[in-house]
């Protein structure tokens, strides 16, 4: 993710616009996009600051509340697939894709390749 522009640049851009120059002229002068000039001006009028908002951050996984159930379910049936788990989760009022289940299990170090049906059945 790219870093936000400096506060100094933002303040100079907003000051130039407030002095009566057009957004396009200011954008050309400072080498930023017109959209940035407009948004920084809007931010300044709304909050009185040109500081950037928070970028990124931690988000609690959707399946965190079902951690115990998922671990118990995999313990009881080690070869259960992520698609089967995703199909069972709506019964618990959570609808997610199988890739969401896979990512969550990978974070718990529980993701692994399942045995092929031929190997489970004991076929050569």
N, C-alpha and C. Protein backbone atom coordinates (compact mmCIF):
# COMPACT_ATOMS: atom_id res chain seq x y z
N UNK A 1 0.85 -1.17 0.00
CA UNK A 1 0.00 0.00 0.00
C UNK A 1 0.90 1.24 0.00
N UNK A 2 0.54 2.22 -0.79
CA UNK A 2 1.33 3.44 -0.91
C UNK A 2 1.22 4.29 0.35
N UNK A 3 2.27 5.07 0.60
CA UNK A 3 2.25 5.98 1.74
C UNK A 3 1.45 7.23 1.38
N UNK A 4 0.79 7.84 2.36
CA UNK A 4 0.08 9.08 2.08
C UNK A 4 1.06 10.23 1.85
N UNK A 5 0.61 11.23 1.12
CA UNK A 5 1.45 12.42 0.92
C UNK A 5 1.69 13.11 2.26
N UNK A 6 2.77 13.89 2.33
CA UNK A 6 3.13 14.57 3.59
C UNK A 6 2.09 15.62 3.97
N UNK A 7 2.02 15.89 5.25
CA UNK A 7 1.10 16.91 5.77
C UNK A 7 1.49 18.28 5.20
N UNK A 8 2.81 18.52 5.09
CA UNK A 8 3.30 19.80 4.57
C UNK A 8 2.76 20.04 3.16
N UNK A 9 2.86 19.05 2.30
CA UNK A 9 2.37 19.19 0.93
C UNK A 9 0.86 19.43 0.93
N UNK A 10 0.16 18.67 1.71
CA UNK A 10 -1.29 18.81 1.79
C UNK A 10 -1.69 20.21 2.23
N UNK A 11 -0.99 20.73 3.25
CA UNK A 11 -1.30 22.08 3.75
C UNK A 11 -1.03 23.14 2.69
N UNK A 12 0.09 23.00 1.95
CA UNK A 12 0.41 23.97 0.90
C UNK A 12 -0.62 23.91 -0.23
N UNK A 13 -1.08 22.71 -0.58
CA UNK A 13 -2.08 22.55 -1.64
C UNK A 13 -3.38 23.21 -1.21
N UNK A 14 -3.83 22.93 0.00
CA UNK A 14 -5.10 23.50 0.49
C UNK A 14 -4.98 25.02 0.59
N UNK A 15 -3.85 25.52 1.05
CA UNK A 15 -3.65 26.97 1.15
C UNK A 15 -3.73 27.61 -0.24
N UNK A 16 -3.16 26.95 -1.24
CA UNK A 16 -3.20 27.49 -2.60
C UNK A 16 -4.63 27.55 -3.13
N UNK A 17 -5.41 26.53 -2.87
CA UNK A 17 -6.81 26.50 -3.31
C UNK A 17 -7.61 27.57 -2.57
N UNK A 18 -7.35 27.72 -1.28
CA UNK A 18 -8.08 28.72 -0.48
C UNK A 18 -7.73 30.14 -0.90
N UNK A 19 -6.57 30.31 -1.50
CA UNK A 19 -6.18 31.65 -1.96
C UNK A 19 -6.88 32.03 -3.26
N UNK A 20 -7.63 31.09 -3.84
CA UNK A 20 -8.42 31.40 -5.02
C UNK A 20 -7.96 30.72 -6.30
N UNK A 21 -6.90 29.96 -6.26
CA UNK A 21 -6.44 29.27 -7.46
C UNK A 21 -7.34 28.08 -7.76
N UNK A 22 -7.41 27.68 -9.00
CA UNK A 22 -8.26 26.55 -9.38
C UNK A 22 -7.60 25.23 -8.96
N UNK A 23 -8.42 24.23 -8.80
CA UNK A 23 -7.91 22.91 -8.40
C UNK A 23 -6.98 22.35 -9.47
N UNK A 24 -7.30 22.56 -10.73
CA UNK A 24 -6.44 22.05 -11.81
C UNK A 24 -5.09 22.74 -11.81
N UNK A 25 -5.08 24.05 -11.61
CA UNK A 25 -3.84 24.81 -11.58
C UNK A 25 -2.96 24.35 -10.41
N UNK A 26 -3.58 24.19 -9.25
CA UNK A 26 -2.85 23.74 -8.05
C UNK A 26 -2.30 22.33 -8.26
N UNK A 27 -3.11 21.45 -8.85
CA UNK A 27 -2.66 20.08 -9.11
C UNK A 27 -1.45 20.07 -10.03
N UNK A 28 -1.48 20.88 -11.08
CA UNK A 28 -0.33 20.96 -11.99
C UNK A 28 0.90 21.52 -11.29
N UNK A 29 0.70 22.53 -10.47
CA UNK A 29 1.83 23.17 -9.77
C UNK A 29 2.53 22.20 -8.81
N UNK A 30 1.75 21.45 -8.07
CA UNK A 30 2.33 20.58 -7.04
C UNK A 30 2.55 19.14 -7.50
N UNK A 31 2.12 18.82 -8.71
CA UNK A 31 2.35 17.48 -9.24
C UNK A 31 1.51 16.40 -8.58
N UNK A 32 0.28 16.74 -8.22
CA UNK A 32 -0.64 15.75 -7.65
C UNK A 32 -1.89 15.73 -8.52
N UNK A 33 -2.76 14.77 -8.28
CA UNK A 33 -3.97 14.67 -9.09
C UNK A 33 -5.00 15.71 -8.65
N UNK A 34 -5.88 16.05 -9.58
CA UNK A 34 -6.96 16.98 -9.28
C UNK A 34 -7.86 16.39 -8.18
N UNK A 35 -8.07 15.08 -8.26
CA UNK A 35 -8.92 14.42 -7.26
C UNK A 35 -8.33 14.58 -5.85
N UNK A 36 -7.01 14.48 -5.74
CA UNK A 36 -6.38 14.66 -4.42
C UNK A 36 -6.59 16.08 -3.92
N UNK A 37 -6.43 17.06 -4.79
CA UNK A 37 -6.63 18.46 -4.39
C UNK A 37 -8.05 18.66 -3.90
N UNK A 38 -9.02 18.14 -4.63
CA UNK A 38 -10.43 18.29 -4.26
C UNK A 38 -10.69 17.60 -2.92
N UNK A 39 -10.22 16.38 -2.77
CA UNK A 39 -10.47 15.63 -1.53
C UNK A 39 -9.80 16.26 -0.32
N UNK A 40 -8.58 16.77 -0.49
CA UNK A 40 -7.91 17.42 0.64
C UNK A 40 -8.65 18.70 1.03
N UNK A 41 -9.16 19.41 0.04
CA UNK A 41 -9.95 20.61 0.34
C UNK A 41 -11.23 20.24 1.08
N UNK A 42 -11.89 19.19 0.65
CA UNK A 42 -13.11 18.74 1.33
C UNK A 42 -12.81 18.31 2.76
N UNK A 43 -11.72 17.58 2.93
CA UNK A 43 -11.34 17.12 4.27
C UNK A 43 -11.07 18.32 5.18
N UNK A 44 -10.37 19.32 4.63
CA UNK A 44 -10.06 20.51 5.43
C UNK A 44 -11.33 21.26 5.82
N UNK A 45 -12.27 21.43 4.88
CA UNK A 45 -13.52 22.13 5.19
C UNK A 45 -14.35 21.36 6.21
N UNK A 46 -14.30 20.05 6.13
CA UNK A 46 -15.13 19.23 7.03
C UNK A 46 -14.54 19.11 8.42
N UNK A 47 -13.21 18.88 8.51
CA UNK A 47 -12.60 18.60 9.81
C UNK A 47 -11.61 19.66 10.29
N UNK A 48 -11.19 20.55 9.39
CA UNK A 48 -10.20 21.54 9.77
C UNK A 48 -8.78 21.00 9.73
N UNK A 49 -8.61 19.80 9.22
CA UNK A 49 -7.29 19.17 9.14
C UNK A 49 -7.13 18.53 7.77
N UNK A 50 -5.88 18.46 7.32
CA UNK A 50 -5.60 17.78 6.05
C UNK A 50 -4.93 16.44 6.28
N UNK A 51 -4.80 16.03 7.54
CA UNK A 51 -4.13 14.77 7.88
C UNK A 51 -4.87 13.60 7.25
N UNK A 52 -4.14 12.61 6.77
CA UNK A 52 -4.79 11.45 6.16
C UNK A 52 -5.52 10.61 7.21
N UNK A 53 -6.52 9.88 6.75
CA UNK A 53 -7.23 8.97 7.64
C UNK A 53 -6.39 7.72 7.87
N UNK A 54 -6.90 6.84 8.72
CA UNK A 54 -6.18 5.60 9.02
C UNK A 54 -6.12 4.73 7.78
N UNK A 55 -4.97 4.13 7.57
CA UNK A 55 -4.79 3.20 6.46
C UNK A 55 -4.59 1.80 7.03
N UNK A 56 -5.31 0.85 6.49
CA UNK A 56 -5.14 -0.53 6.94
C UNK A 56 -5.64 -0.73 8.35
N UNK A 57 -5.10 -1.71 9.01
CA UNK A 57 -5.50 -2.01 10.36
C UNK A 57 -5.89 -3.46 10.51
N UNK A 58 -6.16 -3.87 11.72
CA UNK A 58 -6.51 -5.26 12.00
C UNK A 58 -8.02 -5.42 11.95
N UNK A 59 -8.45 -6.50 11.36
CA UNK A 59 -9.87 -6.82 11.29
C UNK A 59 -10.06 -8.22 11.86
N UNK A 60 -10.97 -8.36 12.80
CA UNK A 60 -11.24 -9.66 13.39
C UNK A 60 -11.85 -10.59 12.34
N UNK A 61 -11.30 -11.79 12.17
CA UNK A 61 -11.84 -12.71 11.16
C UNK A 61 -13.31 -13.03 11.42
N UNK A 62 -14.08 -13.17 10.36
CA UNK A 62 -15.51 -13.46 10.44
C UNK A 62 -15.76 -14.75 11.20
N UNK A 63 -14.86 -15.73 11.06
CA UNK A 63 -15.07 -17.04 11.66
C UNK A 63 -14.50 -17.17 13.07
N UNK A 64 -13.99 -16.09 13.63
CA UNK A 64 -13.38 -16.16 14.96
C UNK A 64 -14.37 -16.71 16.00
N UNK A 65 -15.63 -16.34 15.90
CA UNK A 65 -16.62 -16.81 16.87
C UNK A 65 -16.90 -18.31 16.73
N UNK A 66 -16.54 -18.89 15.60
CA UNK A 66 -16.77 -20.31 15.34
C UNK A 66 -15.50 -21.14 15.45
N UNK A 67 -14.46 -20.57 16.03
CA UNK A 67 -13.17 -21.27 16.13
C UNK A 67 -13.31 -22.62 16.83
N UNK A 68 -13.93 -22.65 17.99
CA UNK A 68 -14.06 -23.90 18.75
C UNK A 68 -14.84 -24.95 17.95
N UNK A 69 -15.92 -24.52 17.31
CA UNK A 69 -16.72 -25.45 16.53
C UNK A 69 -15.91 -26.02 15.37
N UNK A 70 -15.18 -25.15 14.65
CA UNK A 70 -14.38 -25.62 13.52
C UNK A 70 -13.29 -26.59 13.95
N UNK A 71 -12.61 -26.28 15.04
CA UNK A 71 -11.55 -27.18 15.54
C UNK A 71 -12.15 -28.52 15.93
N UNK A 72 -13.28 -28.51 16.63
CA UNK A 72 -13.93 -29.76 17.04
C UNK A 72 -14.41 -30.54 15.82
N UNK A 73 -14.93 -29.84 14.83
CA UNK A 73 -15.44 -30.49 13.62
C UNK A 73 -14.31 -31.17 12.85
N UNK A 74 -13.17 -30.52 12.76
CA UNK A 74 -12.02 -31.10 12.06
C UNK A 74 -11.43 -32.25 12.87
N UNK A 75 -11.46 -32.14 14.18
CA UNK A 75 -10.95 -33.23 15.03
C UNK A 75 -11.81 -34.48 14.86
N UNK A 76 -13.12 -34.30 14.74
CA UNK A 76 -14.00 -35.45 14.61
C UNK A 76 -13.95 -36.07 13.21
N UNK A 77 -13.66 -35.26 12.19
CA UNK A 77 -13.57 -35.77 10.81
C UNK A 77 -12.42 -35.06 10.11
N UNK A 78 -11.21 -35.58 10.24
CA UNK A 78 -10.02 -34.91 9.71
C UNK A 78 -10.03 -34.67 8.20
N UNK A 79 -10.74 -35.48 7.43
CA UNK A 79 -10.75 -35.32 5.97
C UNK A 79 -11.90 -34.45 5.46
N UNK A 80 -12.59 -33.75 6.35
CA UNK A 80 -13.69 -32.89 5.92
C UNK A 80 -13.11 -31.75 5.07
N UNK A 81 -13.81 -31.40 4.01
CA UNK A 81 -13.32 -30.37 3.10
C UNK A 81 -13.82 -28.99 3.52
N UNK A 82 -13.15 -27.97 3.01
CA UNK A 82 -13.57 -26.61 3.33
C UNK A 82 -14.93 -26.31 2.70
N UNK A 83 -15.23 -26.94 1.58
CA UNK A 83 -16.55 -26.74 0.97
C UNK A 83 -17.66 -27.30 1.85
N UNK A 84 -17.43 -28.45 2.44
CA UNK A 84 -18.42 -29.05 3.35
C UNK A 84 -18.60 -28.15 4.57
N UNK A 85 -17.49 -27.67 5.13
CA UNK A 85 -17.57 -26.78 6.29
C UNK A 85 -18.33 -25.50 5.94
N UNK A 86 -18.05 -24.92 4.77
CA UNK A 86 -18.75 -23.71 4.35
C UNK A 86 -20.24 -23.97 4.16
N UNK A 87 -20.58 -25.18 3.69
CA UNK A 87 -22.00 -25.54 3.52
C UNK A 87 -22.70 -25.75 4.86
N UNK A 88 -21.96 -26.12 5.90
CA UNK A 88 -22.55 -26.34 7.22
C UNK A 88 -22.69 -25.06 8.04
N UNK A 89 -21.89 -24.05 7.73
CA UNK A 89 -21.90 -22.82 8.51
C UNK A 89 -23.20 -22.02 8.45
N UNK A 90 -23.96 -22.02 7.35
CA UNK A 90 -25.24 -21.28 7.38
C UNK A 90 -26.19 -21.78 8.46
N UNK A 91 -26.07 -23.06 8.86
CA UNK A 91 -26.89 -23.57 9.96
C UNK A 91 -26.52 -22.87 11.27
N UNK A 92 -25.31 -22.32 11.31
CA UNK A 92 -24.83 -21.59 12.49
C UNK A 92 -24.93 -20.08 12.28
N UNK A 93 -25.71 -19.67 11.26
CA UNK A 93 -25.97 -18.26 10.92
C UNK A 93 -24.74 -17.50 10.43
N UNK A 94 -23.85 -18.21 9.75
CA UNK A 94 -22.70 -17.57 9.13
C UNK A 94 -22.59 -18.08 7.70
N UNK A 95 -22.61 -17.15 6.74
CA UNK A 95 -22.49 -17.55 5.34
C UNK A 95 -21.17 -17.02 4.80
N UNK A 96 -20.29 -17.95 4.45
CA UNK A 96 -18.99 -17.59 3.90
C UNK A 96 -18.66 -18.55 2.76
N UNK A 97 -17.69 -18.16 1.96
CA UNK A 97 -17.21 -18.98 0.88
C UNK A 97 -16.19 -19.99 1.43
N UNK A 98 -15.95 -21.05 0.69
CA UNK A 98 -15.00 -22.06 1.16
C UNK A 98 -13.58 -21.49 1.28
N UNK A 99 -13.26 -20.46 0.46
CA UNK A 99 -11.92 -19.87 0.57
C UNK A 99 -11.75 -19.13 1.89
N UNK A 100 -12.82 -18.55 2.42
CA UNK A 100 -12.76 -17.89 3.72
C UNK A 100 -12.47 -18.93 4.81
N UNK A 101 -13.11 -20.07 4.70
CA UNK A 101 -12.85 -21.16 5.66
C UNK A 101 -11.40 -21.61 5.54
N UNK A 102 -10.93 -21.77 4.30
CA UNK A 102 -9.56 -22.22 4.09
C UNK A 102 -8.56 -21.24 4.70
N UNK A 103 -8.76 -19.94 4.46
CA UNK A 103 -7.83 -18.94 5.02
C UNK A 103 -7.84 -18.95 6.54
N UNK A 104 -9.02 -19.11 7.12
CA UNK A 104 -9.11 -19.14 8.58
C UNK A 104 -8.39 -20.37 9.13
N UNK A 105 -8.61 -21.52 8.52
CA UNK A 105 -7.95 -22.74 8.97
C UNK A 105 -6.45 -22.67 8.77
N UNK A 106 -6.02 -22.05 7.68
CA UNK A 106 -4.59 -21.88 7.44
C UNK A 106 -3.97 -21.03 8.56
N UNK A 107 -4.68 -20.02 9.02
CA UNK A 107 -4.21 -19.19 10.12
C UNK A 107 -4.09 -19.97 11.42
N UNK A 108 -4.87 -21.04 11.56
CA UNK A 108 -4.81 -21.90 12.74
C UNK A 108 -3.86 -23.08 12.54
N UNK A 109 -3.17 -23.12 11.41
CA UNK A 109 -2.31 -24.24 11.03
C UNK A 109 -3.07 -25.56 10.96
N UNK A 110 -4.33 -25.50 10.53
CA UNK A 110 -5.15 -26.70 10.40
C UNK A 110 -5.40 -27.08 8.95
N UNK A 111 -4.90 -26.29 8.02
CA UNK A 111 -5.14 -26.57 6.61
C UNK A 111 -4.12 -27.58 6.09
N UNK A 112 -4.59 -28.56 5.38
CA UNK A 112 -3.69 -29.54 4.80
C UNK A 112 -4.37 -30.17 3.59
N UNK A 113 -3.59 -30.84 2.77
CA UNK A 113 -4.18 -31.51 1.61
C UNK A 113 -4.95 -32.72 2.11
N UNK A 114 -6.13 -32.89 1.56
CA UNK A 114 -6.95 -34.04 1.91
C UNK A 114 -6.50 -35.23 1.09
N UNK A 115 -6.73 -36.41 1.64
CA UNK A 115 -6.39 -37.62 0.91
C UNK A 115 -7.37 -37.79 -0.25
N UNK A 116 -6.87 -38.31 -1.34
CA UNK A 116 -7.76 -38.59 -2.46
C UNK A 116 -8.69 -39.73 -2.08
N UNK A 117 -9.85 -39.77 -2.69
CA UNK A 117 -10.82 -40.81 -2.35
C UNK A 117 -10.24 -42.19 -2.57
N UNK A 118 -9.39 -42.33 -3.58
CA UNK A 118 -8.77 -43.62 -3.87
C UNK A 118 -7.90 -44.06 -2.70
N UNK A 119 -7.16 -43.13 -2.09
CA UNK A 119 -6.29 -43.46 -0.97
C UNK A 119 -7.08 -43.78 0.29
N UNK A 120 -8.22 -43.06 0.48
CA UNK A 120 -9.04 -43.31 1.68
C UNK A 120 -9.66 -44.69 1.62
N UNK A 121 -10.04 -45.11 0.42
CA UNK A 121 -10.72 -46.39 0.27
C UNK A 121 -9.74 -47.56 0.31
N UNK A 122 -8.45 -47.26 0.29
CA UNK A 122 -7.46 -48.31 0.34
C UNK A 122 -7.13 -48.91 -1.00
N UNK A 123 -7.56 -48.25 -2.08
CA UNK A 123 -7.26 -48.74 -3.42
C UNK A 123 -5.81 -48.44 -3.75
N UNK A 124 -5.21 -49.27 -4.60
CA UNK A 124 -3.81 -49.04 -4.97
C UNK A 124 -3.60 -47.84 -5.84
